[in-house]
Amino acid sequence: MQQLNNSLKLQCVPHQRQATQRQLGIAMLEALVALVILAFGVLGLLWMHQQALTQQRQQLMRSVAIGIADDIVERIFLNAAQRAMYAKTWGDAPTSAPDCATTACTRQDLAAWDKQQLQLTLQTQLPEGDAAIYALTGAADWWGIVIAWRDANETYRTDTASGSPACPADMSCWRLLFRPDR
C-alpha cells in the first residue's frame, strides 16, 4: 500500500511542476504588461509636462510683449507731437541718438532715443524680438504697434486689418492700437 501511495505522489509531482511553471509564465506576462502600461503612463505625463512648459513660456513672452508695447505707447503719448518719427517697419534699425537720460534733448532726438530704447529692449527681452509701429489706414489719428518674437508654433498671430503689418513667419505677434493724442 505504501508503495502505491509513493508511486501516486511521484505521478502528481510532474503535474504540479507544469502548473507552477505555467503560473510563473502567466505572472511574468502580467508583470510585463503592467510595466508597459506604466511606461506609457509616465511618457504621457512627461509629454503633458512639456506642453505645459511650452504654454508657460509663450504666456511669458506675451506678457513681456505687452509690457514693451505699453512702454513705447507711453513714450509716444509723452511726445505725441513727434508721433510720425516713431513709425517703424519690421527689421528697421534705429538711427543713433543722443542719450536723453543724461542730457537735454529736442523732441526729435527724444523720438530717436525712444526708438533706440525700444530696439534694445526687444533684443534683450524677447527671442529675436522685433516691432512695427504704424498709422492705421481708415482711422484718423489711430496708431498701432505690433511686437513679434521667435515662435516656431506661431502661437499668437495678428491679422492685417487697418493696415497692420503681417506677422513674420515662425513668429508670434501681439498688437496694440492706440490714439497718441488722447
N, C-alpha and C. Protein backbone atom coordinates (compact mmCIF):
# COMPACT_ATOMS: atom_id res chain seq x y z
N MET A 1 0.80 -1.17 0.00
CA MET A 1 0.00 0.00 0.00
C MET A 1 0.86 1.26 0.00
N GLN A 2 1.88 1.21 0.77
CA GLN A 2 2.75 2.36 0.85
C GLN A 2 3.43 2.58 -0.49
N GLN A 3 3.74 1.51 -1.16
CA GLN A 3 4.35 1.63 -2.46
C GLN A 3 3.40 2.30 -3.45
N LEU A 4 2.13 1.99 -3.34
CA LEU A 4 1.14 2.59 -4.21
C LEU A 4 1.03 4.09 -3.95
N ASN A 5 1.04 4.47 -2.69
CA ASN A 5 0.99 5.89 -2.32
C ASN A 5 2.21 6.64 -2.86
N ASN A 6 3.37 6.03 -2.73
CA ASN A 6 4.60 6.67 -3.21
C ASN A 6 4.56 6.83 -4.73
N SER A 7 4.06 5.83 -5.44
CA SER A 7 4.01 5.94 -6.89
C SER A 7 2.99 6.99 -7.31
N LEU A 8 1.87 7.13 -6.56
CA LEU A 8 0.90 8.18 -6.87
C LEU A 8 1.48 9.57 -6.64
N LYS A 9 2.26 9.70 -5.57
CA LYS A 9 2.90 11.00 -5.29
C LYS A 9 3.87 11.37 -6.40
N LEU A 10 4.59 10.39 -6.89
CA LEU A 10 5.55 10.66 -7.95
C LEU A 10 4.85 11.08 -9.24
N GLN A 11 3.68 10.50 -9.47
CA GLN A 11 2.95 10.85 -10.68
C GLN A 11 2.34 12.26 -10.58
N CYS A 12 2.00 12.69 -9.39
CA CYS A 12 1.39 14.02 -9.21
C CYS A 12 2.41 15.13 -9.29
N VAL A 13 3.64 14.89 -8.92
CA VAL A 13 4.67 15.93 -8.88
C VAL A 13 4.91 16.54 -10.25
N PRO A 14 5.03 15.79 -11.35
CA PRO A 14 5.23 16.43 -12.65
C PRO A 14 4.07 17.34 -13.02
N HIS A 15 2.84 16.98 -12.69
CA HIS A 15 1.70 17.85 -13.00
C HIS A 15 1.77 19.14 -12.19
N GLN A 16 2.21 19.07 -10.95
CA GLN A 16 2.33 20.26 -10.12
C GLN A 16 3.43 21.17 -10.67
N ARG A 17 4.53 20.58 -11.14
CA ARG A 17 5.61 21.39 -11.71
C ARG A 17 5.13 22.12 -12.96
N GLN A 18 4.41 21.44 -13.81
CA GLN A 18 3.90 22.08 -15.02
C GLN A 18 2.94 23.21 -14.66
N ALA A 19 2.07 22.98 -13.70
CA ALA A 19 1.13 24.02 -13.28
C ALA A 19 1.88 25.21 -12.68
N THR A 20 2.90 24.95 -11.87
CA THR A 20 3.68 26.02 -11.26
C THR A 20 4.43 26.81 -12.34
N GLN A 21 5.02 26.11 -13.29
CA GLN A 21 5.74 26.79 -14.37
C GLN A 21 4.77 27.62 -15.22
N ARG A 22 3.57 27.08 -15.49
CA ARG A 22 2.57 27.80 -16.24
C ARG A 22 2.16 29.07 -15.49
N GLN A 23 1.98 28.97 -14.16
CA GLN A 23 1.60 30.13 -13.36
C GLN A 23 2.72 31.17 -13.35
N LEU A 24 3.98 30.71 -13.29
CA LEU A 24 5.11 31.65 -13.33
C LEU A 24 5.16 32.37 -14.67
N GLY A 25 4.88 31.66 -15.75
CA GLY A 25 4.87 32.27 -17.08
C GLY A 25 3.78 33.32 -17.20
N ILE A 26 2.60 33.02 -16.67
CA ILE A 26 1.49 33.98 -16.72
C ILE A 26 1.81 35.18 -15.83
N ALA A 27 2.40 34.96 -14.67
CA ALA A 27 2.77 36.06 -13.77
C ALA A 27 3.81 36.96 -14.43
N MET A 28 4.76 36.38 -15.16
CA MET A 28 5.78 37.16 -15.85
C MET A 28 5.13 38.00 -16.95
N LEU A 29 4.21 37.42 -17.69
CA LEU A 29 3.50 38.14 -18.74
C LEU A 29 2.68 39.29 -18.15
N GLU A 30 2.00 39.05 -17.03
CA GLU A 30 1.24 40.11 -16.36
C GLU A 30 2.16 41.24 -15.91
N ALA A 31 3.33 40.89 -15.38
CA ALA A 31 4.29 41.92 -14.94
C ALA A 31 4.77 42.75 -16.12
N LEU A 32 5.04 42.12 -17.25
CA LEU A 32 5.47 42.85 -18.44
C LEU A 32 4.38 43.79 -18.95
N VAL A 33 3.15 43.32 -18.97
CA VAL A 33 2.03 44.17 -19.41
C VAL A 33 1.89 45.36 -18.46
N ALA A 34 2.00 45.13 -17.17
CA ALA A 34 1.90 46.22 -16.20
C ALA A 34 3.05 47.22 -16.39
N LEU A 35 4.23 46.73 -16.70
CA LEU A 35 5.38 47.60 -16.92
C LEU A 35 5.18 48.46 -18.18
N VAL A 36 4.64 47.87 -19.24
CA VAL A 36 4.36 48.62 -20.46
C VAL A 36 3.31 49.70 -20.20
N ILE A 37 2.26 49.36 -19.47
CA ILE A 37 1.22 50.34 -19.14
C ILE A 37 1.80 51.48 -18.31
N LEU A 38 2.65 51.16 -17.35
CA LEU A 38 3.30 52.16 -16.52
C LEU A 38 4.20 53.06 -17.37
N ALA A 39 4.95 52.47 -18.29
CA ALA A 39 5.83 53.25 -19.16
C ALA A 39 5.03 54.23 -20.01
N PHE A 40 3.91 53.78 -20.59
CA PHE A 40 3.07 54.69 -21.37
C PHE A 40 2.49 55.80 -20.50
N GLY A 41 2.13 55.48 -19.28
CA GLY A 41 1.62 56.49 -18.36
C GLY A 41 2.66 57.54 -18.05
N VAL A 42 3.88 57.12 -17.78
CA VAL A 42 4.97 58.06 -17.48
C VAL A 42 5.27 58.91 -18.72
N LEU A 43 5.31 58.29 -19.89
CA LEU A 43 5.54 59.07 -21.12
C LEU A 43 4.44 60.09 -21.34
N GLY A 44 3.21 59.73 -21.07
CA GLY A 44 2.10 60.67 -21.19
C GLY A 44 2.25 61.84 -20.23
N LEU A 45 2.65 61.57 -19.01
CA LEU A 45 2.86 62.65 -18.04
C LEU A 45 4.00 63.56 -18.47
N LEU A 46 5.08 62.99 -19.00
CA LEU A 46 6.20 63.81 -19.46
C LEU A 46 5.78 64.68 -20.65
N TRP A 47 4.98 64.14 -21.55
CA TRP A 47 4.50 64.93 -22.69
C TRP A 47 3.64 66.09 -22.21
N MET A 48 2.73 65.81 -21.26
CA MET A 48 1.86 66.87 -20.73
C MET A 48 2.69 67.93 -20.02
N HIS A 49 3.73 67.53 -19.31
CA HIS A 49 4.61 68.48 -18.63
C HIS A 49 5.32 69.37 -19.66
N GLN A 50 5.81 68.76 -20.74
CA GLN A 50 6.47 69.54 -21.80
C GLN A 50 5.50 70.54 -22.43
N GLN A 51 4.27 70.13 -22.67
CA GLN A 51 3.27 71.03 -23.24
C GLN A 51 2.98 72.19 -22.28
N ALA A 52 2.90 71.90 -21.00
CA ALA A 52 2.65 72.95 -20.01
C ALA A 52 3.81 73.95 -19.97
N LEU A 53 5.04 73.45 -20.05
CA LEU A 53 6.20 74.35 -20.07
C LEU A 53 6.20 75.23 -21.31
N THR A 54 5.84 74.65 -22.45
CA THR A 54 5.78 75.43 -23.68
C THR A 54 4.73 76.53 -23.57
N GLN A 55 3.55 76.19 -23.06
CA GLN A 55 2.49 77.19 -22.90
C GLN A 55 2.89 78.28 -21.90
N GLN A 56 3.56 77.87 -20.84
CA GLN A 56 4.01 78.85 -19.84
C GLN A 56 5.01 79.82 -20.47
N ARG A 57 5.92 79.30 -21.28
CA ARG A 57 6.91 80.16 -21.93
C ARG A 57 6.23 81.13 -22.88
N GLN A 58 5.25 80.66 -23.64
CA GLN A 58 4.54 81.54 -24.56
C GLN A 58 3.77 82.63 -23.81
N GLN A 59 3.18 82.28 -22.69
CA GLN A 59 2.48 83.28 -21.88
C GLN A 59 3.47 84.32 -21.35
N LEU A 60 4.66 83.87 -20.97
CA LEU A 60 5.69 84.79 -20.50
C LEU A 60 6.10 85.74 -21.63
N MET A 61 6.32 85.20 -22.83
CA MET A 61 6.71 86.04 -23.97
C MET A 61 5.61 87.05 -24.29
N ARG A 62 4.36 86.61 -24.21
CA ARG A 62 3.24 87.52 -24.47
C ARG A 62 3.20 88.63 -23.42
N SER A 63 3.41 88.30 -22.17
CA SER A 63 3.43 89.32 -21.11
C SER A 63 4.54 90.32 -21.33
N VAL A 64 5.71 89.84 -21.72
CA VAL A 64 6.84 90.75 -22.00
C VAL A 64 6.49 91.65 -23.17
N ALA A 65 5.88 91.08 -24.23
CA ALA A 65 5.50 91.88 -25.40
C ALA A 65 4.50 92.97 -25.01
N ILE A 66 3.55 92.63 -24.16
CA ILE A 66 2.56 93.62 -23.71
C ILE A 66 3.25 94.74 -22.96
N GLY A 67 4.20 94.40 -22.09
CA GLY A 67 4.94 95.42 -21.35
C GLY A 67 5.76 96.33 -22.25
N ILE A 68 6.39 95.74 -23.27
CA ILE A 68 7.19 96.54 -24.21
C ILE A 68 6.27 97.47 -25.00
N ALA A 69 5.13 96.95 -25.47
CA ALA A 69 4.18 97.78 -26.23
C ALA A 69 3.66 98.92 -25.36
N ASP A 70 3.31 98.62 -24.12
CA ASP A 70 2.82 99.67 -23.21
C ASP A 70 3.88 100.75 -23.00
N ASP A 71 5.14 100.34 -22.88
CA ASP A 71 6.22 101.30 -22.66
C ASP A 71 6.37 102.25 -23.84
N ILE A 72 6.41 101.71 -25.06
CA ILE A 72 6.59 102.60 -26.21
C ILE A 72 5.35 103.46 -26.44
N VAL A 73 4.17 102.94 -26.14
CA VAL A 73 2.96 103.76 -26.27
C VAL A 73 3.01 104.94 -25.30
N GLU A 74 3.45 104.70 -24.08
CA GLU A 74 3.59 105.80 -23.11
C GLU A 74 4.59 106.83 -23.60
N ARG A 75 5.68 106.36 -24.19
CA ARG A 75 6.69 107.29 -24.72
C ARG A 75 6.09 108.12 -25.86
N ILE A 76 5.29 107.49 -26.71
CA ILE A 76 4.65 108.22 -27.81
C ILE A 76 3.63 109.22 -27.25
N PHE A 77 2.87 108.83 -26.23
CA PHE A 77 1.93 109.76 -25.60
C PHE A 77 2.65 111.01 -25.09
N LEU A 78 3.81 110.81 -24.49
CA LEU A 78 4.55 111.94 -23.92
C LEU A 78 5.18 112.82 -25.00
N ASN A 79 5.34 112.29 -26.19
CA ASN A 79 5.95 113.05 -27.29
C ASN A 79 5.02 112.99 -28.50
N ALA A 80 3.72 113.16 -28.29
CA ALA A 80 2.69 112.97 -29.33
C ALA A 80 2.91 113.86 -30.55
N ALA A 81 3.48 115.04 -30.35
CA ALA A 81 3.69 115.94 -31.49
C ALA A 81 4.66 115.34 -32.51
N GLN A 82 5.52 114.45 -32.08
CA GLN A 82 6.52 113.83 -32.96
C GLN A 82 6.15 112.38 -33.31
N ARG A 83 4.89 112.01 -33.20
CA ARG A 83 4.49 110.61 -33.39
C ARG A 83 4.91 110.03 -34.73
N ALA A 84 4.97 110.83 -35.76
CA ALA A 84 5.37 110.33 -37.08
C ALA A 84 6.81 109.81 -37.06
N MET A 85 7.64 110.34 -36.19
CA MET A 85 9.04 109.89 -36.10
C MET A 85 9.15 108.50 -35.46
N TYR A 86 8.11 108.04 -34.81
CA TYR A 86 8.14 106.73 -34.16
C TYR A 86 7.80 105.59 -35.13
N ALA A 87 7.34 105.92 -36.33
CA ALA A 87 6.97 104.87 -37.30
C ALA A 87 8.17 103.95 -37.53
N LYS A 88 7.88 102.66 -37.57
CA LYS A 88 8.95 101.65 -37.69
C LYS A 88 8.39 100.45 -38.43
N THR A 89 9.20 99.85 -39.30
CA THR A 89 8.81 98.63 -40.00
C THR A 89 9.63 97.46 -39.46
N TRP A 90 9.24 96.24 -39.82
CA TRP A 90 9.99 95.06 -39.37
C TRP A 90 11.45 95.18 -39.79
N GLY A 91 12.36 94.94 -38.86
CA GLY A 91 13.79 94.93 -39.16
C GLY A 91 14.41 96.30 -39.31
N ASP A 92 13.64 97.36 -39.15
CA ASP A 92 14.14 98.72 -39.27
C ASP A 92 15.03 99.05 -38.07
N ALA A 93 16.32 99.24 -38.33
CA ALA A 93 17.26 99.58 -37.25
C ALA A 93 17.19 101.08 -36.98
N PRO A 94 17.09 101.48 -35.71
CA PRO A 94 17.00 102.91 -35.41
C PRO A 94 18.34 103.61 -35.65
N THR A 95 18.25 104.89 -35.97
CA THR A 95 19.46 105.70 -36.15
C THR A 95 20.03 106.05 -34.78
N SER A 96 21.28 106.46 -34.76
CA SER A 96 21.89 106.81 -33.48
C SER A 96 21.26 108.10 -32.95
N ALA A 97 21.21 108.19 -31.65
CA ALA A 97 20.60 109.34 -31.00
C ALA A 97 21.36 109.64 -29.71
N PRO A 98 21.32 110.89 -29.27
CA PRO A 98 21.98 111.21 -28.00
C PRO A 98 21.27 110.51 -26.84
N ASP A 99 21.98 110.34 -25.75
CA ASP A 99 21.41 109.70 -24.56
C ASP A 99 20.55 110.72 -23.82
N CYS A 100 19.26 110.62 -24.03
CA CYS A 100 18.33 111.59 -23.44
C CYS A 100 18.12 111.36 -21.95
N ALA A 101 18.66 110.28 -21.40
CA ALA A 101 18.55 110.04 -19.96
C ALA A 101 19.54 110.91 -19.19
N THR A 102 20.63 111.34 -19.85
CA THR A 102 21.65 112.12 -19.16
C THR A 102 21.78 113.55 -19.67
N THR A 103 21.28 113.83 -20.87
CA THR A 103 21.38 115.18 -21.43
C THR A 103 20.02 115.64 -21.92
N ALA A 104 19.88 116.94 -22.00
CA ALA A 104 18.63 117.51 -22.54
C ALA A 104 18.57 117.25 -24.04
N CYS A 105 17.39 116.88 -24.50
CA CYS A 105 17.22 116.54 -25.91
C CYS A 105 16.06 117.33 -26.51
N THR A 106 16.11 117.48 -27.82
CA THR A 106 14.97 118.05 -28.53
C THR A 106 13.91 116.95 -28.64
N ARG A 107 12.70 117.31 -29.04
CA ARG A 107 11.63 116.33 -29.22
C ARG A 107 11.99 115.29 -30.28
N GLN A 108 12.68 115.74 -31.34
CA GLN A 108 13.10 114.82 -32.39
C GLN A 108 14.15 113.84 -31.87
N ASP A 109 15.10 114.35 -31.10
CA ASP A 109 16.13 113.48 -30.51
C ASP A 109 15.49 112.48 -29.54
N LEU A 110 14.50 112.96 -28.80
CA LEU A 110 13.80 112.08 -27.86
C LEU A 110 13.10 110.93 -28.59
N ALA A 111 12.48 111.24 -29.73
CA ALA A 111 11.82 110.18 -30.51
C ALA A 111 12.84 109.16 -31.01
N ALA A 112 13.99 109.63 -31.50
CA ALA A 112 15.04 108.71 -31.97
C ALA A 112 15.59 107.88 -30.81
N TRP A 113 15.75 108.52 -29.66
CA TRP A 113 16.27 107.80 -28.48
C TRP A 113 15.25 106.76 -27.99
N ASP A 114 13.97 107.11 -28.02
CA ASP A 114 12.92 106.16 -27.63
C ASP A 114 12.93 104.93 -28.54
N LYS A 115 13.10 105.15 -29.84
CA LYS A 115 13.17 104.01 -30.78
C LYS A 115 14.40 103.15 -30.50
N GLN A 116 15.51 103.80 -30.14
CA GLN A 116 16.72 103.05 -29.78
C GLN A 116 16.46 102.19 -28.54
N GLN A 117 15.79 102.77 -27.55
CA GLN A 117 15.48 102.04 -26.32
C GLN A 117 14.53 100.87 -26.61
N LEU A 118 13.59 101.10 -27.51
CA LEU A 118 12.67 100.03 -27.91
C LEU A 118 13.46 98.87 -28.51
N GLN A 119 14.36 99.17 -29.44
CA GLN A 119 15.14 98.12 -30.10
C GLN A 119 16.01 97.37 -29.09
N LEU A 120 16.62 98.08 -28.17
CA LEU A 120 17.45 97.44 -27.14
C LEU A 120 16.60 96.52 -26.26
N THR A 121 15.43 96.98 -25.88
CA THR A 121 14.53 96.17 -25.06
C THR A 121 14.09 94.93 -25.81
N LEU A 122 13.74 95.08 -27.07
CA LEU A 122 13.32 93.93 -27.88
C LEU A 122 14.43 92.88 -27.97
N GLN A 123 15.65 93.34 -28.19
CA GLN A 123 16.78 92.42 -28.34
C GLN A 123 17.13 91.70 -27.06
N THR A 124 16.91 92.34 -25.93
CA THR A 124 17.32 91.73 -24.66
C THR A 124 16.21 90.93 -23.98
N GLN A 125 14.96 91.22 -24.30
CA GLN A 125 13.88 90.58 -23.55
C GLN A 125 13.05 89.57 -24.34
N LEU A 126 13.13 89.58 -25.66
CA LEU A 126 12.36 88.64 -26.47
C LEU A 126 13.29 87.91 -27.44
N PRO A 127 13.07 86.63 -27.66
CA PRO A 127 13.91 85.91 -28.63
C PRO A 127 13.65 86.44 -30.04
N GLU A 128 14.69 87.01 -30.65
CA GLU A 128 14.61 87.61 -31.98
C GLU A 128 13.47 88.63 -32.05
N GLY A 129 13.31 89.41 -31.00
CA GLY A 129 12.23 90.38 -30.91
C GLY A 129 12.32 91.47 -31.97
N ASP A 130 11.17 91.90 -32.44
CA ASP A 130 11.09 92.98 -33.42
C ASP A 130 9.76 93.69 -33.21
N ALA A 131 9.62 94.87 -33.81
CA ALA A 131 8.39 95.65 -33.67
C ALA A 131 8.12 96.42 -34.95
N ALA A 132 6.85 96.72 -35.14
CA ALA A 132 6.42 97.61 -36.21
C ALA A 132 5.46 98.62 -35.59
N ILE A 133 5.69 99.89 -35.88
CA ILE A 133 4.81 100.97 -35.40
C ILE A 133 4.28 101.67 -36.64
N TYR A 134 2.97 101.86 -36.73
CA TYR A 134 2.37 102.34 -37.97
C TYR A 134 1.09 103.13 -37.68
N ALA A 135 0.75 104.00 -38.62
CA ALA A 135 -0.52 104.73 -38.57
C ALA A 135 -1.58 103.84 -39.20
N LEU A 136 -2.73 103.73 -38.57
CA LEU A 136 -3.81 102.90 -39.11
C LEU A 136 -4.42 103.55 -40.35
N THR A 137 -4.76 102.72 -41.31
CA THR A 137 -5.42 103.23 -42.51
C THR A 137 -6.92 103.26 -42.25
N GLY A 138 -7.56 104.35 -42.63
CA GLY A 138 -9.00 104.46 -42.48
C GLY A 138 -9.45 104.84 -41.08
N ALA A 139 -8.54 105.14 -40.18
CA ALA A 139 -8.90 105.57 -38.83
C ALA A 139 -7.98 106.72 -38.45
N ALA A 140 -8.46 107.94 -38.64
CA ALA A 140 -7.65 109.12 -38.40
C ALA A 140 -7.13 109.16 -36.96
N ASP A 141 -5.87 109.51 -36.82
CA ASP A 141 -5.19 109.69 -35.54
C ASP A 141 -5.05 108.40 -34.72
N TRP A 142 -5.27 107.25 -35.32
CA TRP A 142 -5.06 105.98 -34.62
C TRP A 142 -3.76 105.36 -35.12
N TRP A 143 -3.03 104.77 -34.18
CA TRP A 143 -1.76 104.12 -34.47
C TRP A 143 -1.80 102.69 -33.93
N GLY A 144 -0.87 101.92 -34.38
CA GLY A 144 -0.76 100.55 -33.89
C GLY A 144 0.69 100.16 -33.70
N ILE A 145 0.89 99.24 -32.83
CA ILE A 145 2.21 98.67 -32.63
C ILE A 145 2.04 97.15 -32.59
N VAL A 146 2.93 96.46 -33.28
CA VAL A 146 2.93 95.00 -33.28
C VAL A 146 4.30 94.56 -32.79
N ILE A 147 4.31 93.75 -31.75
CA ILE A 147 5.54 93.20 -31.19
C ILE A 147 5.61 91.73 -31.62
N ALA A 148 6.76 91.32 -32.15
CA ALA A 148 6.94 89.94 -32.62
C ALA A 148 8.11 89.29 -31.90
N TRP A 149 8.02 87.98 -31.73
CA TRP A 149 9.12 87.20 -31.15
C TRP A 149 9.15 85.83 -31.79
N ARG A 150 10.31 85.17 -31.75
CA ARG A 150 10.50 83.87 -32.39
C ARG A 150 9.62 82.83 -31.72
N ASP A 151 8.84 82.13 -32.53
CA ASP A 151 7.96 81.07 -32.06
C ASP A 151 7.61 80.19 -33.25
N ALA A 152 8.26 79.04 -33.34
CA ALA A 152 8.03 78.14 -34.47
C ALA A 152 6.58 77.67 -34.54
N ASN A 153 5.89 77.63 -33.41
CA ASN A 153 4.48 77.19 -33.39
C ASN A 153 3.51 78.30 -33.77
N GLU A 154 4.00 79.53 -33.86
CA GLU A 154 3.16 80.68 -34.19
C GLU A 154 1.91 80.71 -33.31
N THR A 155 2.13 80.68 -32.01
CA THR A 155 1.05 80.60 -31.04
C THR A 155 0.11 81.79 -31.10
N TYR A 156 0.65 82.99 -31.19
CA TYR A 156 -0.16 84.20 -31.25
C TYR A 156 0.08 84.87 -32.60
N ARG A 157 -0.98 85.16 -33.31
CA ARG A 157 -0.87 85.80 -34.62
C ARG A 157 -1.79 87.02 -34.65
N THR A 158 -1.48 87.97 -35.51
CA THR A 158 -2.34 89.13 -35.68
C THR A 158 -2.81 89.17 -37.13
N ASP A 159 -3.96 89.78 -37.33
CA ASP A 159 -4.44 89.92 -38.71
C ASP A 159 -3.88 91.20 -39.31
N THR A 160 -4.18 91.44 -40.55
CA THR A 160 -3.65 92.62 -41.24
C THR A 160 -4.71 93.71 -41.40
N ALA A 161 -5.71 93.70 -40.54
CA ALA A 161 -6.76 94.72 -40.59
C ALA A 161 -6.20 96.10 -40.29
N SER A 162 -6.78 97.10 -40.88
CA SER A 162 -6.42 98.52 -40.65
C SER A 162 -4.96 98.82 -40.95
N GLY A 163 -4.38 98.11 -41.90
CA GLY A 163 -3.01 98.38 -42.29
C GLY A 163 -1.97 97.77 -41.38
N SER A 164 -2.38 96.90 -40.48
CA SER A 164 -1.43 96.25 -39.59
C SER A 164 -0.50 95.34 -40.41
N PRO A 165 0.82 95.44 -40.20
CA PRO A 165 1.72 94.58 -40.97
C PRO A 165 1.52 93.12 -40.59
N ALA A 166 1.68 92.24 -41.57
CA ALA A 166 1.53 90.81 -41.32
C ALA A 166 2.63 90.33 -40.39
N CYS A 167 2.27 89.42 -39.53
CA CYS A 167 3.24 88.84 -38.60
C CYS A 167 4.23 87.98 -39.40
N PRO A 168 5.53 88.15 -39.21
CA PRO A 168 6.51 87.36 -39.96
C PRO A 168 6.36 85.86 -39.69
N ALA A 169 6.84 85.05 -40.63
CA ALA A 169 6.77 83.59 -40.48
C ALA A 169 7.60 83.13 -39.29
N ASP A 170 7.15 82.08 -38.64
CA ASP A 170 7.81 81.49 -37.47
C ASP A 170 7.92 82.46 -36.30
N MET A 171 7.00 83.40 -36.23
CA MET A 171 6.98 84.38 -35.15
C MET A 171 5.56 84.46 -34.60
N SER A 172 5.47 84.82 -33.33
CA SER A 172 4.19 85.17 -32.73
C SER A 172 4.15 86.68 -32.61
N CYS A 173 2.97 87.26 -32.68
CA CYS A 173 2.83 88.71 -32.63
C CYS A 173 1.73 89.11 -31.66
N TRP A 174 1.90 90.27 -31.09
CA TRP A 174 0.87 90.87 -30.25
C TRP A 174 0.69 92.30 -30.71
N ARG A 175 -0.55 92.73 -30.90
CA ARG A 175 -0.83 94.05 -31.45
C ARG A 175 -1.59 94.91 -30.44
N LEU A 176 -1.26 96.21 -30.46
CA LEU A 176 -1.94 97.20 -29.62
C LEU A 176 -2.29 98.39 -30.49
N LEU A 177 -3.54 98.83 -30.45
CA LEU A 177 -3.99 100.01 -31.19
C LEU A 177 -4.21 101.14 -30.18
N PHE A 178 -3.84 102.37 -30.56
CA PHE A 178 -3.94 103.48 -29.62
C PHE A 178 -4.06 104.81 -30.36
N ARG A 179 -4.48 105.84 -29.62
CA ARG A 179 -4.52 107.21 -30.13
C ARG A 179 -3.54 108.04 -29.33
N PRO A 180 -2.47 108.52 -29.96
CA PRO A 180 -1.45 109.26 -29.22
C PRO A 180 -1.93 110.60 -28.67
N ASP A 181 -2.96 111.17 -29.23
CA ASP A 181 -3.40 112.49 -28.78
C ASP A 181 -4.43 112.43 -27.67
N ARG A 182 -4.75 111.29 -27.14
CA ARG A 182 -5.76 111.17 -26.08
C ARG A 182 -5.13 110.80 -24.78
